[in-house]
Amino acid sequence: MINRVQNALNSILGALPLLNNATGAGRLFELYVMTGVALELQNRGFEVWLQRSDGTRILPTDTDRTFIQRSGAPTSVPPAWEGPGNASVIGLKKPNGDGWELWNGIQFLGRSGAYHEIDIALVPAAVGDTLRMLGGAPLGRPRVAIECKDVGLAGSVDEMRTFVARLYDLTLLSGHQRYFPYSPKAMAIYPGTPTSNNFYHARVTYWEENRHSFNAVARRTGFTKGAMAMTAYYGIEGHSTITVGSAEFGVLIQAVCQWIEAECP
């Protein structure tokens, strides 16, 4: 798996980056899915780049071409003044389109005030740029949220309920004005304090937002019947048997990238 990750990073950069990947259960699995998405988007004509935690791009001509995966407990977005030594991200952009960032293991702030880690998340680059000024967690929900499970047991109903509850708390709807009283119109995500309206508008219902974003659980093994029964209503795709080079891995990557290509300007 690590060879596949390294090869994807090589192709994205056009040179050989040094991969500093985190140890621990499931961390390489997350990076495998993340770099698979990025490489496929590059193949589809997106501009894709590796980016340090301070917001600077890693260039093929740089002396230090280290790509860092966050290790340890989940964190918010670190401030740029801490330097480039925190977790790297992957930037992407359609031709003549907006910039986006793929994050791994970043905390998002929910309406309850609780923080929720999203294994792989896609957010507007402007959200990342703003957060890097001071550091902090975004309030709201990413456009793509993928939960990665590199475990041997089948995914249970409780596992799916946990993901549904996390997305519920992260969802900002147009009627949630008490969470952002200074914003003229509710947005679905904010870089910290909600005082701007530069991002996509919030939806009216949870049902709409569940289908206005791409949400998936990617597992090395399978799901119980009860867990899969919940996915359609809550707009979550369940992808099982995600292993190196498997057909199911290709199905997952195609599904994510087709959605991004169609829905992210």
Protein backbone atom coordinates (compact mmCIF):
# COMPACT_ATOMS: atom_id res chain seq x y z
CA MET A 1 0.00 0.00 0.00
CA ILE A 2 2.76 2.44 0.84
CA ASN A 3 4.26 1.91 -2.62
CA ARG A 4 0.93 2.90 -4.21
CA VAL A 5 0.79 6.04 -2.07
CA GLN A 6 4.36 6.95 -2.95
CA ASN A 7 3.75 6.40 -6.67
CA ALA A 8 0.64 8.61 -6.55
CA LEU A 9 2.58 11.40 -4.85
CA ASN A 10 5.38 11.04 -7.41
CA SER A 11 2.89 11.44 -10.25
CA ILE A 12 1.18 14.43 -8.66
CA LEU A 13 4.44 16.28 -7.97
CA GLY A 14 6.32 15.19 -11.06
CA ALA A 15 9.29 14.39 -8.84
CA LEU A 16 10.10 12.16 -5.88
CA PRO A 17 8.76 13.61 -2.60
CA LEU A 18 9.80 12.31 0.79
CA LEU A 19 6.74 10.71 2.40
CA ASN A 20 6.50 11.17 6.17
CA ASN A 21 3.45 9.03 6.89
CA ALA A 22 1.82 8.49 10.26
CA THR A 23 1.90 5.15 12.00
CA GLY A 24 -1.13 3.62 13.65
CA ALA A 25 -4.21 1.70 12.64
CA GLY A 26 -5.80 2.93 9.47
CA ARG A 27 -3.56 5.92 8.81
CA LEU A 28 -1.93 4.51 5.67
CA PHE A 29 -5.36 3.36 4.49
CA GLU A 30 -6.60 6.98 4.72
CA LEU A 31 -3.60 8.20 2.74
CA TYR A 32 -4.17 5.50 0.12
CA VAL A 33 -7.73 6.70 -0.48
CA MET A 34 -6.76 10.39 -0.36
CA THR A 35 -3.92 10.11 -2.89
CA GLY A 36 -6.06 7.83 -5.08
CA VAL A 37 -8.69 10.56 -5.35
CA ALA A 38 -6.07 13.22 -6.08
CA LEU A 39 -4.34 11.17 -8.79
CA GLU A 40 -7.62 10.38 -10.55
CA LEU A 41 -8.60 14.07 -10.53
CA GLN A 42 -5.23 14.89 -12.08
CA ASN A 43 -5.94 12.28 -14.77
CA ARG A 44 -9.28 14.02 -15.38
CA GLY A 45 -7.55 17.33 -16.15
CA PHE A 46 -7.57 19.01 -12.74
CA GLU A 47 -4.53 20.93 -11.61
CA VAL A 48 -3.38 19.03 -8.51
CA TRP A 49 -0.52 19.95 -6.20
CA LEU A 50 1.04 19.05 -2.86
CA GLN A 51 0.93 21.81 -0.27
CA ARG A 52 2.72 22.39 3.02
CA SER A 53 0.89 23.24 6.21
CA ASP A 54 1.87 26.92 5.87
CA GLY A 55 0.05 27.13 2.52
CA THR A 56 3.09 27.05 0.23
CA ARG A 57 3.25 24.59 -2.64
CA ILE A 58 5.78 21.81 -2.76
CA LEU A 59 7.57 22.23 -6.09
CA PRO A 60 9.46 19.53 -8.00
CA THR A 61 12.55 21.76 -7.89
CA ASP A 62 12.50 22.27 -4.10
CA THR A 63 15.31 20.85 -2.02
CA ASP A 64 12.84 19.84 0.69
CA ARG A 65 9.93 17.96 -0.90
CA THR A 66 8.53 16.34 2.26
CA PHE A 67 4.85 15.43 2.32
CA ILE A 68 3.70 15.03 5.93
CA GLN A 69 0.70 13.07 7.12
CA ARG A 70 -0.59 14.19 10.51
CA SER A 71 0.24 11.85 13.38
CA GLY A 72 -1.15 11.66 16.89
CA ALA A 73 -4.51 13.03 18.00
CA PRO A 74 -6.68 14.90 15.48
CA THR A 75 -6.16 18.65 15.34
CA SER A 76 -7.56 21.80 13.81
CA VAL A 77 -5.84 23.66 10.95
CA PRO A 78 -2.47 24.92 12.23
CA PRO A 79 -1.53 28.58 11.73
CA ALA A 80 0.94 29.33 8.94
CA TRP A 81 3.30 31.07 11.37
CA GLU A 82 4.13 27.67 12.90
CA GLY A 83 5.94 26.88 9.67
CA PRO A 84 5.69 24.04 7.13
CA GLY A 85 6.25 21.16 9.53
CA ASN A 86 2.61 20.25 10.26
CA ALA A 87 0.31 18.10 8.13
CA SER A 88 0.41 18.64 4.38
CA VAL A 89 -2.70 18.92 2.22
CA ILE A 90 -3.46 18.31 -1.45
CA GLY A 91 -4.71 21.23 -3.52
CA LEU A 92 -6.80 20.90 -6.65
CA LYS A 93 -8.50 23.10 -9.20
CA LYS A 94 -10.53 22.67 -12.34
CA PRO A 95 -9.32 24.63 -15.37
CA ASN A 96 -10.62 28.19 -14.75
CA GLY A 97 -12.33 26.94 -11.58
CA ASP A 98 -12.10 27.59 -7.86
CA GLY A 99 -9.41 26.13 -5.64
CA TRP A 100 -10.15 23.24 -3.27
CA GLU A 101 -8.17 21.38 -0.63
CA LEU A 102 -8.19 17.73 0.38
CA TRP A 103 -7.56 17.33 4.10
CA ASN A 104 -6.72 14.26 6.15
CA GLY A 105 -7.67 13.96 9.81
CA ILE A 106 -8.80 17.54 10.48
CA GLN A 107 -11.35 18.47 13.15
CA PHE A 108 -14.54 20.31 12.21
CA LEU A 109 -16.69 22.24 14.69
CA GLY A 110 -20.33 21.24 15.04
CA ARG A 111 -23.37 23.21 16.14
CA SER A 112 -23.16 21.58 19.58
CA GLY A 113 -19.69 22.99 20.14
CA ALA A 114 -18.14 19.52 19.80
CA TYR A 115 -15.26 18.78 17.45
CA HIS A 116 -15.50 15.94 14.93
CA GLU A 117 -12.64 14.42 12.97
CA ILE A 118 -13.25 13.77 9.27
CA ASP A 119 -10.75 11.28 7.84
CA ILE A 120 -10.78 12.76 4.32
CA ALA A 121 -12.48 16.09 3.64
CA LEU A 122 -12.79 18.45 0.67
CA VAL A 123 -13.18 22.16 1.46
CA PRO A 124 -12.82 25.43 -0.51
CA ALA A 125 -9.22 26.63 -0.62
CA ALA A 126 -10.43 29.99 0.70
CA VAL A 127 -11.52 28.28 3.92
CA GLY A 128 -8.05 26.83 4.37
CA ASP A 129 -6.35 30.14 3.51
CA THR A 130 -8.41 32.01 6.10
CA LEU A 131 -7.91 29.44 8.83
CA ARG A 132 -4.14 29.39 8.30
CA MET A 133 -3.97 33.07 9.28
CA LEU A 134 -4.66 32.24 12.93
CA GLY A 135 -5.31 28.51 13.06
CA GLY A 136 -8.54 26.84 14.09
CA ALA A 137 -11.33 24.51 13.03
CA PRO A 138 -13.93 25.21 10.35
CA LEU A 139 -17.54 25.49 11.47
CA GLY A 140 -19.84 23.38 9.29
CA ARG A 141 -19.61 20.51 6.87
CA PRO A 142 -17.13 19.73 4.07
CA ARG A 143 -18.31 19.05 0.52
CA VAL A 144 -16.77 15.57 0.66
CA ALA A 145 -16.56 13.54 3.86
CA ILE A 146 -15.07 10.03 3.79
CA GLU A 147 -14.83 7.83 6.86
CA CYS A 148 -12.08 5.20 6.47
CA LYS A 149 -12.18 1.90 8.34
CA ASP A 150 -9.16 -0.39 8.04
CA VAL A 151 -10.53 -3.02 10.45
CA GLY A 152 -11.31 -6.71 10.25
CA LEU A 153 -14.87 -6.76 11.58
CA ALA A 154 -17.85 -5.86 9.42
CA GLY A 155 -19.22 -2.34 9.77
CA SER A 156 -22.04 -2.27 12.30
CA VAL A 157 -25.22 -0.26 12.68
CA ASP A 158 -23.57 1.66 15.53
CA GLU A 159 -20.63 2.58 13.30
CA MET A 160 -22.99 4.00 10.69
CA ARG A 161 -25.05 5.79 13.35
CA THR A 162 -21.91 7.47 14.61
CA PHE A 163 -21.07 8.80 11.15
CA VAL A 164 -24.67 9.98 10.61
CA ALA A 165 -24.62 11.79 13.97
CA ARG A 166 -21.31 13.45 13.14
CA LEU A 167 -22.65 14.78 9.84
CA TYR A 168 -25.85 15.92 11.57
CA ASP A 169 -23.94 18.02 14.09
CA LEU A 170 -21.75 19.52 11.34
CA THR A 171 -24.69 20.50 9.14
CA LEU A 172 -25.63 24.18 9.01
CA LEU A 173 -29.06 24.85 7.51
CA SER A 174 -30.60 28.12 6.35
CA GLY A 175 -32.79 28.18 9.47
CA HIS A 176 -29.86 27.98 11.88
CA GLN A 177 -29.35 31.73 12.15
CA ARG A 178 -28.65 31.59 15.87
CA TYR A 179 -25.31 29.94 15.05
CA PHE A 180 -24.21 32.79 12.78
CA PRO A 181 -26.07 36.02 13.68
CA TYR A 182 -23.61 38.24 11.81
CA SER A 183 -23.93 36.58 8.44
CA PRO A 184 -26.55 38.00 6.03
CA LYS A 185 -27.26 34.55 4.61
CA ALA A 186 -26.39 31.17 6.03
CA MET A 187 -23.47 29.32 4.49
CA ALA A 188 -22.75 25.59 4.80
CA ILE A 189 -19.19 26.12 6.10
CA TYR A 190 -17.24 28.94 7.71
CA PRO A 191 -13.55 29.37 8.50
CA GLY A 192 -14.13 29.96 12.19
CA THR A 193 -16.34 32.90 13.19
CA PRO A 194 -19.26 33.13 10.72
CA THR A 195 -19.07 36.73 9.52
CA SER A 196 -18.77 36.26 5.75
CA ASN A 197 -20.92 34.92 2.94
CA ASN A 198 -18.23 33.91 0.47
CA PHE A 199 -19.05 30.22 0.38
CA TYR A 200 -21.89 28.00 -0.81
CA HIS A 201 -25.30 28.59 0.72
CA ALA A 202 -26.79 26.32 3.36
CA ARG A 203 -29.74 24.14 2.40
CA VAL A 204 -33.20 24.10 3.95
CA THR A 205 -33.31 20.49 5.19
CA TYR A 206 -30.87 17.79 6.27
CA TRP A 207 -32.19 15.60 3.46
CA GLU A 208 -31.09 18.25 0.93
CA GLU A 209 -27.67 18.78 2.48
CA ASN A 210 -27.05 15.03 2.63
CA ARG A 211 -27.45 15.01 -1.14
CA HIS A 212 -25.65 18.31 -1.76
CA SER A 213 -22.46 16.76 -0.38
CA PHE A 214 -20.64 13.48 -0.99
CA ASN A 215 -20.50 11.24 2.06
CA ALA A 216 -19.01 7.77 2.16
CA VAL A 217 -17.72 5.06 4.47
CA ALA A 218 -14.78 3.17 2.93
CA ARG A 219 -13.95 -0.17 4.60
CA ARG A 220 -11.31 -2.82 4.10
CA THR A 221 -13.96 -5.35 5.02
CA GLY A 222 -17.75 -5.27 4.62
CA PHE A 223 -20.92 -4.01 6.32
CA THR A 224 -23.68 -5.71 8.22
CA LYS A 225 -27.07 -5.71 6.55
CA GLY A 226 -28.44 -3.29 9.13
CA ALA A 227 -25.67 -0.77 8.53
CA MET A 228 -26.24 -0.72 4.78
CA ALA A 229 -29.98 -0.25 5.31
CA MET A 230 -29.29 3.25 6.67
CA THR A 231 -27.16 4.53 3.82
CA ALA A 232 -29.75 5.45 1.19
CA TYR A 233 -31.91 7.62 3.45
CA TYR A 234 -28.96 9.55 4.87
CA GLY A 235 -27.18 9.97 1.53
CA ILE A 236 -24.12 7.93 2.50
CA GLU A 237 -22.32 5.58 0.13
CA GLY A 238 -20.99 2.38 1.63
CA HIS A 239 -17.87 1.04 -0.10
CA SER A 240 -16.51 -2.31 1.08
CA THR A 241 -13.51 -4.51 0.29
CA ILE A 242 -11.23 -1.53 -0.32
CA THR A 243 -7.83 -3.13 -0.73
CA VAL A 244 -4.77 -2.42 -2.86
CA GLY A 245 -5.69 -2.64 -6.52
CA SER A 246 -9.17 -4.03 -5.89
CA ALA A 247 -12.04 -3.33 -8.27
CA GLU A 248 -13.96 -1.90 -5.32
CA PHE A 249 -11.20 0.66 -4.71
CA GLY A 250 -11.58 1.80 -8.32
CA VAL A 251 -15.36 2.09 -7.88
CA LEU A 252 -14.88 4.29 -4.79
CA ILE A 253 -12.36 6.57 -6.46
CA GLN A 254 -14.51 6.96 -9.57
CA ALA A 255 -17.59 7.78 -7.48
CA VAL A 256 -15.78 10.48 -5.48
CA CYS A 257 -14.14 12.05 -8.52
CA GLN A 258 -17.28 12.03 -10.66
CA TRP A 259 -19.09 13.90 -7.88
CA ILE A 260 -16.29 16.46 -7.46
CA GLU A 261 -16.09 17.01 -11.22
CA ALA A 262 -19.84 17.58 -11.45
CA GLU A 263 -20.51 19.53 -8.25
CA CYS A 264 -17.39 21.56 -7.36
CA PRO A 265 -16.94 24.61 -9.61
